[in-house]
């Protein structure tokens, strides 16, 4: 037979783990310097220009 668990405590623990994962993702996304954000934005713009330049012309 399995162990007895408190469902309320298990639900809260699962909620805390999900919140911690979200917080970790936000720290990775927003915890960057201004130069890092500018470099990422410039790289995205460069890739977008490259992709737009390689599109086929259709009538």
PDB file of N, CA and C in Angstrom:
ATOM      1  N   UNK A   1       0.843  -1.172   0.000  1.00  0.00           N
ATOM      2  CA  UNK A   1       0.000   0.000   0.000  1.00  0.00           C
ATOM      3  C   UNK A   1       0.891   1.240   0.000  1.00  0.00           C
ATOM      4  N   UNK A   2       0.449   2.300  -0.660  1.00  0.00           N
ATOM      5  CA  UNK A   2       1.253   3.505  -0.802  1.00  0.00           C
ATOM      6  C   UNK A   2       1.241   4.374   0.431  1.00  0.00           C
ATOM      7  N   UNK A   3       2.053   5.414   0.370  1.00  0.00           N
ATOM      8  CA  UNK A   3       2.123   6.362   1.483  1.00  0.00           C
ATOM      9  C   UNK A   3       0.940   7.312   1.432  1.00  0.00           C
ATOM     10  N   UNK A   4       0.531   7.761   2.605  1.00  0.00           N
ATOM     11  CA  UNK A   4      -0.561   8.728   2.715  1.00  0.00           C
ATOM     12  C   UNK A   4       0.037  10.114   2.508  1.00  0.00           C
ATOM     13  N   UNK A   5      -0.581  10.909   1.624  1.00  0.00           N
ATOM     14  CA  UNK A   5      -0.094  12.263   1.381  1.00  0.00           C
ATOM     15  C   UNK A   5      -1.233  13.258   1.575  1.00  0.00           C
ATOM     16  N   UNK A   6      -0.885  14.451   1.934  1.00  0.00           N
ATOM     17  CA  UNK A   6      -1.856  15.520   2.081  1.00  0.00           C
ATOM     18  C   UNK A   6      -1.988  16.188   0.711  1.00  0.00           C
ATOM     19  N   UNK A   7      -3.162  16.086   0.099  1.00  0.00           N
ATOM     20  CA  UNK A   7      -3.360  16.601  -1.259  1.00  0.00           C
ATOM     21  C   UNK A   7      -3.200  18.113  -1.345  1.00  0.00           C
ATOM     22  N   UNK A   8      -3.616  18.810  -0.301  1.00  0.00           N
ATOM     23  CA  UNK A   8      -3.483  20.274  -0.296  1.00  0.00           C
ATOM     24  C   UNK A   8      -2.013  20.661  -0.334  1.00  0.00           C
ATOM     25  N   UNK A   9      -1.199  19.992   0.459  1.00  0.00           N
ATOM     26  CA  UNK A   9       0.233  20.291   0.489  1.00  0.00           C
ATOM     27  C   UNK A   9       0.900  19.903  -0.831  1.00  0.00           C
ATOM     28  N   UNK A  10       0.483  18.798  -1.418  1.00  0.00           N
ATOM     29  CA  UNK A  10       1.051  18.374  -2.699  1.00  0.00           C
ATOM     30  C   UNK A  10       0.693  19.378  -3.796  1.00  0.00           C
ATOM     31  N   UNK A  11      -0.541  19.871  -3.781  1.00  0.00           N
ATOM     32  CA  UNK A  11      -0.983  20.847  -4.784  1.00  0.00           C
ATOM     33  C   UNK A  11      -0.201  22.152  -4.635  1.00  0.00           C
ATOM     34  N   UNK A  12       0.012  22.582  -3.394  1.00  0.00           N
ATOM     35  CA  UNK A  12       0.774  23.810  -3.165  1.00  0.00           C
ATOM     36  C   UNK A  12       2.232  23.642  -3.579  1.00  0.00           C
ATOM     37  N   UNK A  13       2.810  22.481  -3.317  1.00  0.00           N
ATOM     38  CA  UNK A  13       4.200  22.226  -3.711  1.00  0.00           C
ATOM     39  C   UNK A  13       4.333  22.253  -5.226  1.00  0.00           C
ATOM     40  N   UNK A  14       3.374  21.657  -5.929  1.00  0.00           N
ATOM     41  CA  UNK A  14       3.397  21.669  -7.394  1.00  0.00           C
ATOM     42  C   UNK A  14       3.270  23.101  -7.911  1.00  0.00           C
ATOM     43  N   UNK A  15       2.424  23.890  -7.282  1.00  0.00           N
ATOM     44  CA  UNK A  15       2.247  25.292  -7.658  1.00  0.00           C
ATOM     45  C   UNK A  15       3.541  26.078  -7.442  1.00  0.00           C
ATOM     46  N   UNK A  16       4.223  25.826  -6.342  1.00  0.00           N
ATOM     47  CA  UNK A  16       5.488  26.515  -6.068  1.00  0.00           C
ATOM     48  C   UNK A  16       6.547  26.158  -7.108  1.00  0.00           C
ATOM     49  N   UNK A  17       6.620  24.885  -7.486  1.00  0.00           N
ATOM     50  CA  UNK A  17       7.591  24.468  -8.502  1.00  0.00           C
ATOM     51  C   UNK A  17       7.307  25.161  -9.836  1.00  0.00           C
ATOM     52  N   UNK A  18       6.027  25.254 -10.223  1.00  0.00           N
ATOM     53  CA  UNK A  18       5.668  25.925 -11.477  1.00  0.00           C
ATOM     54  C   UNK A  18       6.020  27.409 -11.405  1.00  0.00           C
ATOM     55  N   UNK A  19       5.756  28.039 -10.269  1.00  0.00           N
ATOM     56  CA  UNK A  19       6.079  29.461 -10.106  1.00  0.00           C
ATOM     57  C   UNK A  19       7.587  29.680 -10.169  1.00  0.00           C
ATOM     58  N   UNK A  20       8.355  28.778  -9.594  1.00  0.00           N
ATOM     59  CA  UNK A  20       9.811  28.911  -9.624  1.00  0.00           C
ATOM     60  C   UNK A  20      10.344  28.765 -11.045  1.00  0.00           C
ATOM     61  N   UNK A  21       9.766  27.859 -11.834  1.00  0.00           N
ATOM     62  CA  UNK A  21      10.185  27.701 -13.222  1.00  0.00           C
ATOM     63  C   UNK A  21       9.878  28.959 -14.027  1.00  0.00           C
ATOM     64  N   UNK A  22       8.705  29.540 -13.804  1.00  0.00           N
ATOM     65  CA  UNK A  22       8.337  30.781 -14.486  1.00  0.00           C
ATOM     66  C   UNK A  22       9.280  31.904 -14.092  1.00  0.00           C
ATOM     67  N   UNK A  23       9.585  31.996 -12.797  1.00  0.00           N
ATOM     68  CA  UNK A  23      10.493  33.041 -12.313  1.00  0.00           C
ATOM     69  C   UNK A  23      11.884  32.859 -12.911  1.00  0.00           C
ATOM     70  N   UNK A  24      12.333  31.626 -13.021  1.00  0.00           N
ATOM     71  CA  UNK A  24      13.649  31.362 -13.598  1.00  0.00           C
ATOM     72  C   UNK A  24      13.694  31.793 -15.066  1.00  0.00           C
ATOM     73  N   UNK A  25      12.628  31.504 -15.818  1.00  0.00           N
ATOM     74  CA  UNK A  25      12.574  31.920 -17.219  1.00  0.00           C
ATOM     75  C   UNK A  25      12.559  33.440 -17.331  1.00  0.00           C
ATOM     76  N   UNK A  26      11.819  34.106 -16.453  1.00  0.00           N
ATOM     77  CA  UNK A  26      11.765  35.572 -16.474  1.00  0.00           C
ATOM     78  C   UNK A  26      13.113  36.176 -16.114  1.00  0.00           C
ATOM     79  N   UNK A  27      13.830  35.575 -15.157  1.00  0.00           N
ATOM     80  CA  UNK A  27      15.154  36.081 -14.807  1.00  0.00           C
ATOM     81  C   UNK A  27      16.104  35.961 -15.988  1.00  0.00           C
ATOM     82  N   UNK A  28      15.996  34.862 -16.721  1.00  0.00           N
ATOM     83  CA  UNK A  28      16.863  34.678 -17.881  1.00  0.00           C
ATOM     84  C   UNK A  28      16.518  35.680 -18.976  1.00  0.00           C
ATOM     85  N   UNK A  29      15.229  35.963 -19.158  1.00  0.00           N
ATOM     86  CA  UNK A  29      14.807  36.856 -20.222  1.00  0.00           C
ATOM     87  C   UNK A  29      15.063  38.322 -19.892  1.00  0.00           C
ATOM     88  N   UNK A  30      14.780  38.717 -18.669  1.00  0.00           N
ATOM     89  CA  UNK A  30      14.831  40.133 -18.314  1.00  0.00           C
ATOM     90  C   UNK A  30      16.094  40.533 -17.571  1.00  0.00           C
ATOM     91  N   UNK A  31      16.887  39.587 -17.141  1.00  0.00           N
ATOM     92  CA  UNK A  31      18.075  39.912 -16.365  1.00  0.00           C
ATOM     93  C   UNK A  31      19.295  40.082 -17.250  1.00  0.00           C
ATOM     94  N   UNK A  32      19.158  40.895 -18.289  1.00  0.00           N
ATOM     95  CA  UNK A  32      20.269  41.103 -19.218  1.00  0.00           C
ATOM     96  C   UNK A  32      20.655  42.577 -19.227  1.00  0.00           C
ATOM     97  N   UNK A  33      21.879  42.828 -19.662  1.00  0.00           N
ATOM     98  CA  UNK A  33      22.326  44.210 -19.742  1.00  0.00           C
ATOM     99  C   UNK A  33      21.728  44.875 -20.983  1.00  0.00           C
ATOM    100  N   UNK A  34      21.810  46.177 -21.011  1.00  0.00           N
ATOM    101  CA  UNK A  34      21.281  46.931 -22.143  1.00  0.00           C
ATOM    102  C   UNK A  34      22.018  46.565 -23.431  1.00  0.00           C
ATOM    103  N   UNK A  35      23.318  46.356 -23.336  1.00  0.00           N
ATOM    104  CA  UNK A  35      24.115  45.984 -24.508  1.00  0.00           C
ATOM    105  C   UNK A  35      23.712  44.608 -25.033  1.00  0.00           C
ATOM    106  N   UNK A  36      23.445  43.662 -24.130  1.00  0.00           N
ATOM    107  CA  UNK A  36      23.021  42.327 -24.565  1.00  0.00           C
ATOM    108  C   UNK A  36      21.669  42.388 -25.276  1.00  0.00           C
ATOM    109  N   UNK A  37      20.743  43.188 -24.731  1.00  0.00           N
ATOM    110  CA  UNK A  37      19.428  43.320 -25.372  1.00  0.00           C
ATOM    111  C   UNK A  37      19.560  43.979 -26.741  1.00  0.00           C
ATOM    112  N   UNK A  38      20.406  45.007 -26.860  1.00  0.00           N
ATOM    113  CA  UNK A  38      20.593  45.689 -28.139  1.00  0.00           C
ATOM    114  C   UNK A  38      21.227  44.748 -29.155  1.00  0.00           C
ATOM    115  N   UNK A  39      22.182  43.939 -28.716  1.00  0.00           N
ATOM    116  CA  UNK A  39      22.829  42.992 -29.625  1.00  0.00           C
ATOM    117  C   UNK A  39      21.834  41.944 -30.111  1.00  0.00           C
ATOM    118  N   UNK A  40      20.982  41.459 -29.221  1.00  0.00           N
ATOM    119  CA  UNK A  40      19.973  40.477 -29.607  1.00  0.00           C
ATOM    120  C   UNK A  40      18.969  41.079 -30.590  1.00  0.00           C
ATOM    121  N   UNK A  41      18.575  42.321 -30.338  1.00  0.00           N
ATOM    122  CA  UNK A  41      17.631  42.998 -31.223  1.00  0.00           C
ATOM    123  C   UNK A  41      18.250  43.214 -32.610  1.00  0.00           C
ATOM    124  N   UNK A  42      19.526  43.600 -32.655  1.00  0.00           N
ATOM    125  CA  UNK A  42      20.218  43.806 -33.926  1.00  0.00           C
ATOM    126  C   UNK A  42      20.353  42.500 -34.686  1.00  0.00           C
ATOM    127  N   UNK A  43      20.636  41.414 -33.981  1.00  0.00           N
ATOM    128  CA  UNK A  43      20.753  40.099 -34.623  1.00  0.00           C
ATOM    129  C   UNK A  43      19.409  39.657 -35.205  1.00  0.00           C
ATOM    130  N   UNK A  44      18.328  39.883 -34.471  1.00  0.00           N
ATOM    131  CA  UNK A  44      16.993  39.531 -34.968  1.00  0.00           C
ATOM    132  C   UNK A  44      16.652  40.342 -36.213  1.00  0.00           C
ATOM    133  N   UNK A  45      17.005  41.624 -36.216  1.00  0.00           N
ATOM    134  CA  UNK A  45      16.741  42.471 -37.383  1.00  0.00           C
ATOM    135  C   UNK A  45      17.567  42.004 -38.579  1.00  0.00           C
ATOM    136  N   UNK A  46      18.829  41.614 -38.337  1.00  0.00           N
ATOM    137  CA  UNK A  46      19.671  41.127 -39.410  1.00  0.00           C
ATOM    138  C   UNK A  46      19.103  39.841 -40.010  1.00  0.00           C
ATOM    139  N   UNK A  47      18.655  38.939 -39.156  1.00  0.00           N
ATOM    140  CA  UNK A  47      18.064  37.687 -39.648  1.00  0.00           C
ATOM    141  C   UNK A  47      16.775  37.945 -40.424  1.00  0.00           C
ATOM    142  N   UNK A  48      15.969  38.898 -39.945  1.00  0.00           N
ATOM    143  CA  UNK A  48      14.724  39.236 -40.635  1.00  0.00           C
ATOM    144  C   UNK A  48      15.015  39.809 -42.023  1.00  0.00           C
ATOM    145  N   UNK A  49      16.034  40.691 -42.119  1.00  0.00           N
ATOM    146  CA  UNK A  49      16.407  41.258 -43.421  1.00  0.00           C
ATOM    147  C   UNK A  49      16.914  40.166 -44.360  1.00  0.00           C
ATOM    148  N   UNK A  50      17.700  39.248 -43.830  1.00  0.00           N
ATOM    149  CA  UNK A  50      18.226  38.151 -44.646  1.00  0.00           C
ATOM    150  C   UNK A  50      17.081  37.282 -45.159  1.00  0.00           C
ATOM    151  N   UNK A  51      16.127  36.972 -44.292  1.00  0.00           N
ATOM    152  CA  UNK A  51      14.993  36.147 -44.682  1.00  0.00           C
ATOM    153  C   UNK A  51      14.136  36.862 -45.722  1.00  0.00           C
ATOM    154  N   UNK A  52      13.902  38.151 -45.540  1.00  0.00           N
ATOM    155  CA  UNK A  52      13.109  38.916 -46.510  1.00  0.00           C
ATOM    156  C   UNK A  52      13.824  38.996 -47.859  1.00  0.00           C
ATOM    157  N   UNK A  53      15.132  39.026 -47.841  1.00  0.00           N
ATOM    158  CA  UNK A  53      15.897  39.115 -49.083  1.00  0.00           C
ATOM    159  C   UNK A  53      15.919  37.819 -49.867  1.00  0.00           C
ATOM    160  N   UNK A  54      15.627  36.697 -49.204  1.00  0.00           N
ATOM    161  CA  UNK A  54      15.685  35.414 -49.892  1.00  0.00           C
ATOM    162  C   UNK A  54      14.312  34.912 -50.329  1.00  0.00           C
ATOM    163  N   UNK A  55      13.246  35.708 -50.134  1.00  0.00           N
ATOM    164  CA  UNK A  55      11.911  35.293 -50.546  1.00  0.00           C
ATOM    165  C   UNK A  55      11.791  35.312 -52.052  1.00  0.00           C
ATOM    166  N   UNK A  56      10.988  34.404 -52.558  1.00  0.00           N
ATOM    167  CA  UNK A  56      10.732  34.369 -53.989  1.00  0.00           C
ATOM    168  C   UNK A  56       9.677  35.403 -54.351  1.00  0.00           C
ATOM    169  N   UNK A  57       9.825  35.959 -55.529  1.00  0.00           N
ATOM    170  CA  UNK A  57       8.837  36.915 -56.024  1.00  0.00           C
ATOM    171  C   UNK A  57       7.706  36.129 -56.692  1.00  0.00           C
ATOM    172  N   UNK A  58       6.468  36.425 -56.308  1.00  0.00           N
ATOM    173  CA  UNK A  58       5.317  35.773 -56.926  1.00  0.00           C
ATOM    174  C   UNK A  58       4.395  36.827 -57.505  1.00  0.00           C
ATOM    175  N   UNK A  59       3.725  36.459 -58.562  1.00  0.00           N
ATOM    176  CA  UNK A  59       2.797  37.397 -59.212  1.00  0.00           C
ATOM    177  C   UNK A  59       1.401  37.253 -58.683  1.00  0.00           C
TER     178      UNK A  59
END
